[in-house]
N, C-alpha and C. Protein backbone atom coordinates (compact mmCIF):
# COMPACT_ATOMS: atom_id res chain seq x y z
N MET A 1 12.79 -8.58 1.29
CA MET A 1 11.48 -9.01 1.22
C MET A 1 10.89 -7.97 0.39
N ASP A 2 9.88 -7.97 -0.56
CA ASP A 2 9.20 -7.20 -1.46
C ASP A 2 7.99 -6.97 -0.66
N PHE A 3 7.21 -6.44 -0.97
CA PHE A 3 5.68 -5.60 -0.68
C PHE A 3 4.89 -6.80 -0.66
N GLU A 4 4.77 -7.64 -1.70
CA GLU A 4 3.53 -8.77 -1.73
C GLU A 4 3.98 -9.67 -0.49
N THR A 5 5.30 -10.14 -0.62
CA THR A 5 5.79 -10.85 0.84
C THR A 5 5.17 -10.40 2.01
N TYR A 6 5.54 -9.01 2.19
CA TYR A 6 5.12 -8.24 3.43
C TYR A 6 3.53 -8.55 3.63
N LEU A 7 2.93 -8.45 2.69
CA LEU A 7 1.39 -8.51 2.77
C LEU A 7 0.91 -9.84 3.10
N THR A 8 1.75 -10.84 2.59
CA THR A 8 1.36 -12.15 2.85
C THR A 8 1.82 -12.77 4.21
N ASP A 9 2.95 -12.20 4.39
CA ASP A 9 3.66 -12.95 5.63
C ASP A 9 3.84 -12.03 6.77
N VAL A 10 3.60 -10.99 6.70
CA VAL A 10 3.70 -10.19 7.81
C VAL A 10 2.84 -9.18 8.30
N TYR A 11 2.01 -8.83 7.47
CA TYR A 11 0.86 -7.64 7.60
C TYR A 11 -0.31 -8.62 8.02
N ILE A 12 -0.83 -8.02 9.18
CA ILE A 12 -2.21 -8.83 9.61
C ILE A 12 -3.50 -7.98 9.52
N SER A 13 -4.27 -8.26 8.72
CA SER A 13 -5.57 -7.44 8.28
C SER A 13 -6.46 -6.92 9.88
N LYS A 14 -6.48 -5.83 9.90
CA LYS A 14 -7.58 -5.52 11.00
C LYS A 14 -8.84 -6.23 11.38
N ARG A 15 -9.28 -5.93 10.08
CA ARG A 15 -10.55 -6.58 9.91
C ARG A 15 -10.98 -8.32 9.75
N THR A 16 -9.94 -8.96 9.40
CA THR A 16 -10.09 -10.22 9.08
C THR A 16 -9.22 -10.96 10.49
N LYS A 17 -8.00 -10.46 10.71
CA LYS A 17 -7.22 -10.62 11.92
C LYS A 17 -6.44 -11.91 10.90
N THR A 18 -6.03 -11.79 9.74
CA THR A 18 -5.40 -12.89 9.15
C THR A 18 -4.07 -11.80 8.25
N HIS A 19 -3.11 -12.96 7.52
CA HIS A 19 -2.69 -12.30 6.55
C HIS A 19 -3.23 -12.07 5.14
N LEU A 20 -2.98 -11.28 4.50
CA LEU A 20 -3.45 -11.52 3.05
C LEU A 20 -3.46 -12.40 2.14
N LYS A 21 -4.27 -12.91 1.16
CA LYS A 21 -4.08 -13.83 0.24
C LYS A 21 -3.16 -13.49 -0.72
N LYS A 22 -2.40 -14.39 -1.24
CA LYS A 22 -1.44 -13.88 -2.38
C LYS A 22 -2.12 -13.15 -3.54
N ILE A 23 -3.49 -13.72 -3.95
CA ILE A 23 -4.15 -12.69 -5.14
C ILE A 23 -4.62 -11.26 -4.52
N SER A 24 -4.97 -11.41 -3.28
CA SER A 24 -4.99 -9.95 -2.56
C SER A 24 -3.48 -8.84 -3.05
N ALA A 25 -2.52 -9.73 -2.21
CA ALA A 25 -1.22 -8.86 -2.12
C ALA A 25 -1.01 -8.52 -3.57
N LYS A 26 -0.98 -9.28 -4.73
CA LYS A 26 -0.73 -9.01 -6.03
C LYS A 26 -1.75 -7.80 -6.65
N GLN A 27 -2.96 -7.92 -6.13
CA GLN A 27 -3.71 -6.54 -6.67
C GLN A 27 -3.30 -5.33 -5.77
N TYR A 28 -2.82 -5.62 -4.85
CA TYR A 28 -2.08 -4.27 -4.01
C TYR A 28 -1.06 -3.80 -4.71
N ASN A 29 -0.27 -4.67 -4.99
CA ASN A 29 1.00 -4.50 -5.69
C ASN A 29 1.03 -3.90 -7.04
N ASN A 30 0.05 -4.21 -7.76
CA ASN A 30 -0.47 -3.52 -8.88
C ASN A 30 -1.26 -2.25 -8.82
N ARG A 31 -1.75 -1.85 -7.95
CA ARG A 31 -2.21 -0.76 -7.48
C ARG A 31 -1.01 0.29 -7.12
N LEU A 32 -0.15 -0.36 -6.43
CA LEU A 32 0.88 0.78 -6.11
C LEU A 32 1.42 1.09 -7.21
N GLU A 33 2.17 0.10 -8.16
CA GLU A 33 2.70 0.22 -9.43
C GLU A 33 2.12 1.34 -10.17
N ASN A 34 0.72 1.02 -10.40
CA ASN A 34 -0.06 2.07 -11.24
C ASN A 34 -0.11 3.33 -10.84
N MET A 35 -0.14 3.61 -9.33
CA MET A 35 -0.01 4.95 -9.05
C MET A 35 1.42 5.40 -8.87
N ILE A 36 2.49 4.74 -8.73
CA ILE A 36 3.62 5.28 -9.05
C ILE A 36 3.99 5.74 -10.41
N LYS A 37 3.50 4.78 -11.70
CA LYS A 37 3.41 5.21 -12.97
C LYS A 37 2.68 6.48 -13.27
N LYS A 38 1.79 6.81 -12.76
CA LYS A 38 0.89 7.93 -12.82
C LYS A 38 1.37 9.28 -11.98
N GLY A 39 2.27 8.83 -11.36
CA GLY A 39 2.75 10.22 -10.62
C GLY A 39 1.99 10.45 -9.52
N ILE A 40 1.37 9.56 -9.15
CA ILE A 40 0.16 10.02 -7.88
C ILE A 40 1.11 9.69 -6.75
N TYR A 41 1.85 8.73 -6.65
CA TYR A 41 2.72 8.57 -5.51
C TYR A 41 4.03 8.08 -5.81
N ASN A 42 4.93 9.36 -5.13
CA ASN A 42 6.23 9.50 -5.13
C ASN A 42 7.24 9.13 -3.76
N ASN A 43 7.02 8.09 -3.04
CA ASN A 43 7.74 7.43 -1.53
C ASN A 43 7.27 8.62 -0.82
N GLU A 44 6.35 9.21 -0.66
CA GLU A 44 6.01 10.16 0.54
C GLU A 44 5.71 9.25 1.76
N LYS A 45 6.15 9.91 2.87
CA LYS A 45 5.83 9.05 3.89
C LYS A 45 4.57 9.08 4.70
N VAL A 46 3.76 10.16 4.01
CA VAL A 46 2.19 10.27 4.74
C VAL A 46 1.52 10.47 3.61
N ILE A 47 0.21 10.27 3.42
CA ILE A 47 -0.83 10.37 2.66
C ILE A 47 -1.27 11.54 2.65
N SER A 48 -1.03 12.61 1.83
CA SER A 48 -1.71 13.81 1.93
C SER A 48 -3.10 13.89 1.23
N GLU A 49 -3.59 15.40 1.33
CA GLU A 49 -4.92 15.52 0.55
C GLU A 49 -4.73 15.31 -0.69
N ASP A 50 -3.40 16.04 -1.11
CA ASP A 50 -3.14 16.30 -2.62
C ASP A 50 -3.14 14.66 -3.06
N ILE A 51 -2.20 13.73 -2.66
CA ILE A 51 -2.36 12.36 -2.91
C ILE A 51 -3.94 11.81 -3.36
N LYS A 52 -4.64 12.17 -2.05
CA LYS A 52 -5.85 11.62 -2.15
C LYS A 52 -6.95 12.22 -3.32
N ASN A 53 -6.63 13.62 -3.51
CA ASN A 53 -7.05 14.36 -4.77
C ASN A 53 -6.82 13.73 -6.03
N LYS A 54 -5.52 13.28 -6.27
CA LYS A 54 -5.08 12.78 -7.35
C LYS A 54 -5.63 11.20 -7.50
N ILE A 55 -5.79 10.60 -6.51
CA ILE A 55 -6.54 9.08 -6.36
C ILE A 55 -7.66 9.41 -7.36
N SER A 56 -8.56 10.64 -6.49
CA SER A 56 -9.97 10.44 -6.93
C SER A 56 -10.07 10.95 -8.44
N LEU A 57 -9.00 11.58 -8.99
CA LEU A 57 -9.18 11.95 -10.58
C LEU A 57 -9.00 10.58 -11.27
N TYR A 58 -8.15 9.86 -10.79
CA TYR A 58 -8.01 8.55 -11.69
C TYR A 58 -8.73 7.48 -11.67
N TYR A 59 -9.20 6.92 -10.15
CA TYR A 59 -9.67 5.72 -9.87
C TYR A 59 -11.19 6.32 -8.93
N ALA A 60 -11.96 5.30 -9.02
CA ALA A 60 -13.11 5.28 -8.60
C ALA A 60 -12.99 5.12 -6.92
N ASN A 61 -12.27 4.53 -6.52
CA ASN A 61 -11.82 4.36 -5.00
C ASN A 61 -13.09 4.24 -4.08
N ARG A 62 -13.79 3.39 -4.46
CA ARG A 62 -15.17 3.18 -3.69
C ARG A 62 -14.79 2.74 -2.12
N ARG A 63 -14.13 1.76 -2.07
CA ARG A 63 -13.67 1.15 -0.72
C ARG A 63 -12.47 1.76 -0.16
N ASN A 64 -11.93 2.54 -0.86
CA ASN A 64 -10.81 3.11 -0.30
C ASN A 64 -9.61 2.26 -0.46
N GLU A 65 -9.89 1.30 -1.50
CA GLU A 65 -8.59 0.11 -1.85
C GLU A 65 -7.03 1.27 -1.89
N TYR A 66 -7.14 2.18 -2.77
CA TYR A 66 -5.88 2.63 -3.28
C TYR A 66 -5.56 3.56 -2.08
N VAL A 67 -6.27 4.26 -1.34
CA VAL A 67 -5.32 4.89 -0.13
C VAL A 67 -5.01 3.78 0.69
N ASP A 68 -5.89 2.92 1.02
CA ASP A 68 -5.43 1.55 1.87
C ASP A 68 -4.16 0.90 1.03
N THR A 69 -3.87 0.79 -0.08
CA THR A 69 -2.78 0.58 -0.75
C THR A 69 -1.37 1.30 -0.26
N LEU A 70 -1.62 2.47 -0.55
CA LEU A 70 -0.61 3.42 0.26
C LEU A 70 -0.28 3.13 1.81
N ASP A 71 -1.20 3.18 2.32
CA ASP A 71 -1.16 3.06 3.72
C ASP A 71 -0.52 1.80 4.11
N TYR A 72 -0.72 0.43 3.54
CA TYR A 72 -0.19 -0.39 3.80
C TYR A 72 1.62 -0.45 3.25
N TYR A 73 1.76 0.45 2.18
CA TYR A 73 3.07 0.41 1.73
C TYR A 73 4.11 1.23 2.64
N ILE A 74 3.43 2.34 3.17
CA ILE A 74 4.07 3.04 3.87
C ILE A 74 4.25 2.12 5.41
N LYS A 75 3.54 1.27 5.64
CA LYS A 75 3.74 0.45 6.79
C LYS A 75 4.91 -0.33 6.56
N TYR A 76 4.88 -0.87 5.10
CA TYR A 76 5.97 -2.06 4.76
C TYR A 76 7.27 -1.46 4.66
N LYS A 77 7.60 0.07 4.19
CA LYS A 77 8.35 0.94 4.28
C LYS A 77 9.21 0.95 5.69
N LYS A 78 8.35 1.23 6.92
CA LYS A 78 8.47 1.46 7.96
C LYS A 78 8.98 0.18 8.99
N HIS A 79 8.44 -0.93 8.19
CA HIS A 79 9.04 -2.22 8.79
C HIS A 79 10.21 -2.51 8.40
N LEU A 80 10.54 -2.15 6.99
CA LEU A 80 11.83 -2.09 6.76
C LEU A 80 13.21 -1.75 7.16
N GLU A 81 12.71 -0.44 7.34
CA GLU A 81 13.78 0.73 8.35
C GLU A 81 13.80 -0.13 9.67
N THR A 82 13.04 -0.72 10.36
CA THR A 82 13.13 -1.37 11.80
C THR A 82 14.08 -2.68 11.47
N LEU A 83 14.00 -3.30 10.61
CA LEU A 83 14.84 -4.45 10.14
C LEU A 83 16.05 -4.13 9.93
N THR A 84 16.27 -3.09 9.14
CA THR A 84 17.79 -2.53 8.75
C THR A 84 18.37 -1.99 10.28
N GLN A 85 17.54 -1.53 11.13
CA GLN A 85 18.27 -0.73 12.47
C GLN A 85 18.65 -1.79 13.57
N GLU A 86 18.05 -3.13 13.33
CA GLU A 86 18.51 -4.19 14.39
C GLU A 86 19.74 -4.78 13.96
């Protein structure tokens, strides 16, 4: 399962209580890919202040969408770990 599939099929938004739409999942995936390309995120298991500072240097992040992207990705990785342990 890839990250976009996790967002559309498994993850439930706390705000809307629904899965994300495909277009939103694609936007989150694009944000993640760009943060990896820019060296902001390197598969850390927690979002440090250093990561948040790097995000602020590159992006406006007005609605916290870049930090949320990393939060969702970390939850996705944990979900994959639980699947492989079963």
